[in-house]
């Protein structure tokens, strides 16, 4: 995909910064998952989460996600 930006923005932002901004926007609007957003930004999920934290952007983690994670931990530990 090609994206055309105003010259003033293109001059100020690196391609990496633009990708990160796009990824954050897609994540916040729930158009992309954490994994997809991290991939768009070219970062690991941990690094993407650090970027969200630095910007005080909450992650979408509710009771359903917690239950899934607890089930996964139980399966891994054999409980």
N, C-alpha and C. Protein backbone atom coordinates (compact mmCIF):
# COMPACT_ATOMS: atom_id res chain seq x y z
N UNK A 1 0.84 -1.16 0.00
CA UNK A 1 0.00 0.00 0.00
C UNK A 1 0.89 1.24 0.00
N UNK A 2 0.50 2.21 -0.73
CA UNK A 2 1.20 3.49 -0.74
C UNK A 2 0.34 4.53 -0.06
N UNK A 3 0.97 5.35 0.74
CA UNK A 3 0.27 6.39 1.46
C UNK A 3 0.95 7.71 1.17
N UNK A 4 0.17 8.68 0.77
CA UNK A 4 0.71 10.00 0.46
C UNK A 4 0.41 10.93 1.63
N UNK A 5 1.46 11.52 2.16
CA UNK A 5 1.33 12.45 3.29
C UNK A 5 1.69 13.86 2.84
N UNK A 6 1.20 14.85 3.55
CA UNK A 6 1.64 16.21 3.26
C UNK A 6 3.16 16.30 3.42
N UNK A 7 3.79 17.07 2.58
CA UNK A 7 5.25 17.18 2.60
C UNK A 7 5.78 17.59 3.96
N UNK A 8 5.06 18.46 4.66
CA UNK A 8 5.54 18.91 5.97
C UNK A 8 5.61 17.75 6.96
N UNK A 9 4.67 16.84 6.90
CA UNK A 9 4.71 15.66 7.77
C UNK A 9 5.79 14.69 7.33
N UNK A 10 5.86 14.47 6.06
CA UNK A 10 6.85 13.51 5.54
C UNK A 10 8.27 13.96 5.87
N UNK A 11 8.50 15.25 5.89
CA UNK A 11 9.83 15.77 6.20
C UNK A 11 10.17 15.60 7.68
N UNK A 12 9.16 15.61 8.55
CA UNK A 12 9.40 15.54 9.99
C UNK A 12 9.46 14.13 10.54
N UNK A 13 8.77 13.20 9.90
CA UNK A 13 8.65 11.86 10.45
C UNK A 13 9.43 10.84 9.64
N UNK A 14 10.10 9.96 10.33
CA UNK A 14 10.80 8.86 9.66
C UNK A 14 9.77 7.80 9.28
N UNK A 15 10.11 6.92 8.34
CA UNK A 15 9.19 5.83 8.00
C UNK A 15 8.84 4.96 9.22
N UNK A 16 9.80 4.76 10.11
CA UNK A 16 9.54 3.97 11.31
C UNK A 16 8.54 4.66 12.23
N UNK A 17 8.69 5.97 12.38
CA UNK A 17 7.77 6.73 13.22
C UNK A 17 6.37 6.74 12.61
N UNK A 18 6.29 6.88 11.31
CA UNK A 18 4.98 6.85 10.64
C UNK A 18 4.31 5.50 10.84
N UNK A 19 5.08 4.42 10.72
CA UNK A 19 4.53 3.08 10.90
C UNK A 19 4.03 2.90 12.33
N UNK A 20 4.78 3.40 13.29
CA UNK A 20 4.37 3.30 14.69
C UNK A 20 3.08 4.08 14.93
N UNK A 21 2.99 5.30 14.41
CA UNK A 21 1.79 6.11 14.58
C UNK A 21 0.58 5.42 13.95
N UNK A 22 0.76 4.85 12.78
CA UNK A 22 -0.33 4.13 12.12
C UNK A 22 -0.75 2.94 12.96
N UNK A 23 0.22 2.18 13.43
CA UNK A 23 -0.06 0.99 14.23
C UNK A 23 -0.81 1.35 15.52
N UNK A 24 -0.39 2.41 16.18
CA UNK A 24 -1.06 2.85 17.41
C UNK A 24 -2.50 3.24 17.10
N UNK A 25 -2.70 3.99 16.04
CA UNK A 25 -4.06 4.40 15.66
C UNK A 25 -4.95 3.22 15.37
N UNK A 26 -4.44 2.24 14.65
CA UNK A 26 -5.22 1.05 14.34
C UNK A 26 -5.52 0.23 15.60
N UNK A 27 -4.56 0.16 16.50
CA UNK A 27 -4.76 -0.56 17.75
C UNK A 27 -5.80 0.13 18.62
N UNK A 28 -5.67 1.43 18.79
CA UNK A 28 -6.59 2.19 19.64
C UNK A 28 -8.02 2.11 19.11
N UNK A 29 -8.17 2.14 17.79
CA UNK A 29 -9.51 2.07 17.21
C UNK A 29 -10.02 0.63 17.10
N UNK A 30 -9.23 -0.30 17.60
CA UNK A 30 -9.56 -1.72 17.61
C UNK A 30 -9.73 -2.30 16.20
N UNK A 31 -9.01 -1.72 15.26
CA UNK A 31 -8.97 -2.24 13.89
C UNK A 31 -7.87 -3.27 13.73
N UNK A 32 -6.93 -3.28 14.66
CA UNK A 32 -5.81 -4.23 14.63
C UNK A 32 -5.60 -4.78 16.03
N UNK A 33 -5.21 -6.04 16.09
CA UNK A 33 -4.87 -6.64 17.38
C UNK A 33 -3.50 -6.14 17.82
N UNK A 34 -3.14 -6.49 19.03
CA UNK A 34 -1.82 -6.13 19.53
C UNK A 34 -0.74 -6.70 18.63
N UNK A 35 -0.87 -7.97 18.28
CA UNK A 35 0.12 -8.61 17.42
C UNK A 35 0.21 -7.96 16.05
N UNK A 36 -0.95 -7.66 15.47
CA UNK A 36 -0.96 -7.01 14.15
C UNK A 36 -0.35 -5.62 14.22
N UNK A 37 -0.70 -4.87 15.25
CA UNK A 37 -0.16 -3.52 15.39
C UNK A 37 1.35 -3.55 15.58
N UNK A 38 1.83 -4.49 16.39
CA UNK A 38 3.27 -4.61 16.59
C UNK A 38 3.96 -4.93 15.27
N UNK A 39 3.36 -5.81 14.49
CA UNK A 39 3.94 -6.17 13.19
C UNK A 39 3.98 -4.96 12.25
N UNK A 40 2.90 -4.19 12.22
CA UNK A 40 2.86 -2.98 11.38
C UNK A 40 3.97 -2.03 11.79
N UNK A 41 4.18 -1.90 13.10
CA UNK A 41 5.20 -0.98 13.61
C UNK A 41 6.61 -1.53 13.45
N UNK A 42 6.71 -2.82 13.12
CA UNK A 42 8.04 -3.44 12.99
C UNK A 42 8.68 -3.68 14.34
N UNK A 43 7.87 -3.92 15.37
CA UNK A 43 8.36 -4.11 16.73
C UNK A 43 7.88 -5.44 17.29
N UNK A 44 8.55 -5.91 18.33
CA UNK A 44 8.03 -7.05 19.07
C UNK A 44 6.80 -6.58 19.84
N UNK A 45 5.99 -7.52 20.29
CA UNK A 45 4.83 -7.12 21.07
C UNK A 45 5.25 -6.42 22.35
N UNK A 46 6.32 -6.88 22.97
CA UNK A 46 6.81 -6.24 24.20
C UNK A 46 7.23 -4.79 23.94
N UNK A 47 7.94 -4.56 22.85
CA UNK A 47 8.37 -3.20 22.52
C UNK A 47 7.18 -2.32 22.18
N UNK A 48 6.20 -2.88 21.49
CA UNK A 48 5.00 -2.11 21.16
C UNK A 48 4.25 -1.74 22.44
N UNK A 49 4.15 -2.71 23.37
CA UNK A 49 3.50 -2.42 24.66
C UNK A 49 4.23 -1.32 25.43
N UNK A 50 5.56 -1.34 25.37
CA UNK A 50 6.34 -0.27 26.03
C UNK A 50 6.01 1.08 25.41
N UNK A 51 5.87 1.13 24.08
CA UNK A 51 5.50 2.38 23.41
C UNK A 51 4.12 2.84 23.84
N UNK A 52 3.17 1.91 23.96
CA UNK A 52 1.84 2.27 24.43
C UNK A 52 1.91 2.82 25.84
N UNK A 53 2.66 2.15 26.70
CA UNK A 53 2.80 2.58 28.08
C UNK A 53 3.42 3.96 28.19
N UNK A 54 4.43 4.21 27.39
CA UNK A 54 5.09 5.52 27.41
C UNK A 54 4.13 6.64 27.02
N UNK A 55 3.13 6.30 26.22
CA UNK A 55 2.14 7.27 25.78
C UNK A 55 0.87 7.22 26.63
N UNK A 56 0.89 6.36 27.66
CA UNK A 56 -0.26 6.17 28.55
C UNK A 56 -1.51 5.75 27.79
N UNK A 57 -1.32 4.89 26.80
CA UNK A 57 -2.43 4.34 26.03
C UNK A 57 -2.77 2.98 26.62
N UNK A 58 -4.02 2.82 27.10
CA UNK A 58 -4.37 1.55 27.73
C UNK A 58 -4.48 0.42 26.71
N UNK A 59 -4.14 -0.77 27.16
CA UNK A 59 -4.32 -1.93 26.30
C UNK A 59 -5.75 -2.44 26.51
N UNK A 60 -6.26 -3.17 25.54
CA UNK A 60 -7.61 -3.72 25.60
C UNK A 60 -7.51 -5.08 26.29
N UNK A 61 -7.60 -5.06 27.60
CA UNK A 61 -7.44 -6.30 28.36
C UNK A 61 -8.53 -6.33 29.41
N UNK A 62 -9.54 -7.12 29.13
CA UNK A 62 -10.67 -7.20 30.03
C UNK A 62 -10.81 -8.58 30.64
N UNK A 63 -11.93 -8.84 31.27
CA UNK A 63 -12.16 -10.12 31.94
C UNK A 63 -12.06 -11.33 31.01
N UNK A 64 -12.51 -11.20 29.78
CA UNK A 64 -12.44 -12.33 28.85
C UNK A 64 -10.99 -12.69 28.54
N UNK A 65 -10.15 -11.68 28.31
CA UNK A 65 -8.74 -11.94 28.02
C UNK A 65 -8.03 -12.52 29.24
N UNK A 66 -8.39 -12.04 30.42
CA UNK A 66 -7.80 -12.58 31.65
C UNK A 66 -8.16 -14.06 31.81
N UNK A 67 -9.42 -14.40 31.57
CA UNK A 67 -9.85 -15.80 31.68
C UNK A 67 -9.09 -16.69 30.70
N UNK A 68 -8.90 -16.21 29.47
CA UNK A 68 -8.14 -16.97 28.47
C UNK A 68 -6.70 -17.17 28.93
N UNK A 69 -6.09 -16.12 29.45
CA UNK A 69 -4.70 -16.22 29.90
C UNK A 69 -4.58 -17.18 31.09
N UNK A 70 -5.53 -17.13 32.00
CA UNK A 70 -5.50 -18.03 33.16
C UNK A 70 -5.66 -19.49 32.72
N UNK A 71 -6.52 -19.73 31.73
CA UNK A 71 -6.68 -21.08 31.20
C UNK A 71 -5.38 -21.56 30.55
N UNK A 72 -4.72 -20.67 29.83
CA UNK A 72 -3.46 -21.04 29.18
C UNK A 72 -2.39 -21.37 30.21
N UNK A 73 -2.32 -20.59 31.28
CA UNK A 73 -1.35 -20.86 32.34
C UNK A 73 -1.64 -22.19 33.02
N UNK A 74 -2.91 -22.45 33.28
CA UNK A 74 -3.31 -23.71 33.91
C UNK A 74 -2.95 -24.89 33.01
N UNK A 75 -3.16 -24.74 31.71
CA UNK A 75 -2.82 -25.82 30.77
C UNK A 75 -1.32 -26.06 30.75
N UNK A 76 -0.54 -25.00 30.82
CA UNK A 76 0.91 -25.13 30.78
C UNK A 76 1.47 -25.75 32.06
N UNK A 77 0.81 -25.46 33.18
CA UNK A 77 1.30 -25.98 34.45
C UNK A 77 0.66 -27.30 34.84
N UNK A 78 -0.29 -27.78 34.04
CA UNK A 78 -0.92 -29.06 34.30
C UNK A 78 -1.92 -29.04 35.42
N UNK A 79 -2.45 -27.91 35.71
CA UNK A 79 -3.44 -27.80 36.81
C UNK A 79 -4.85 -27.79 36.28
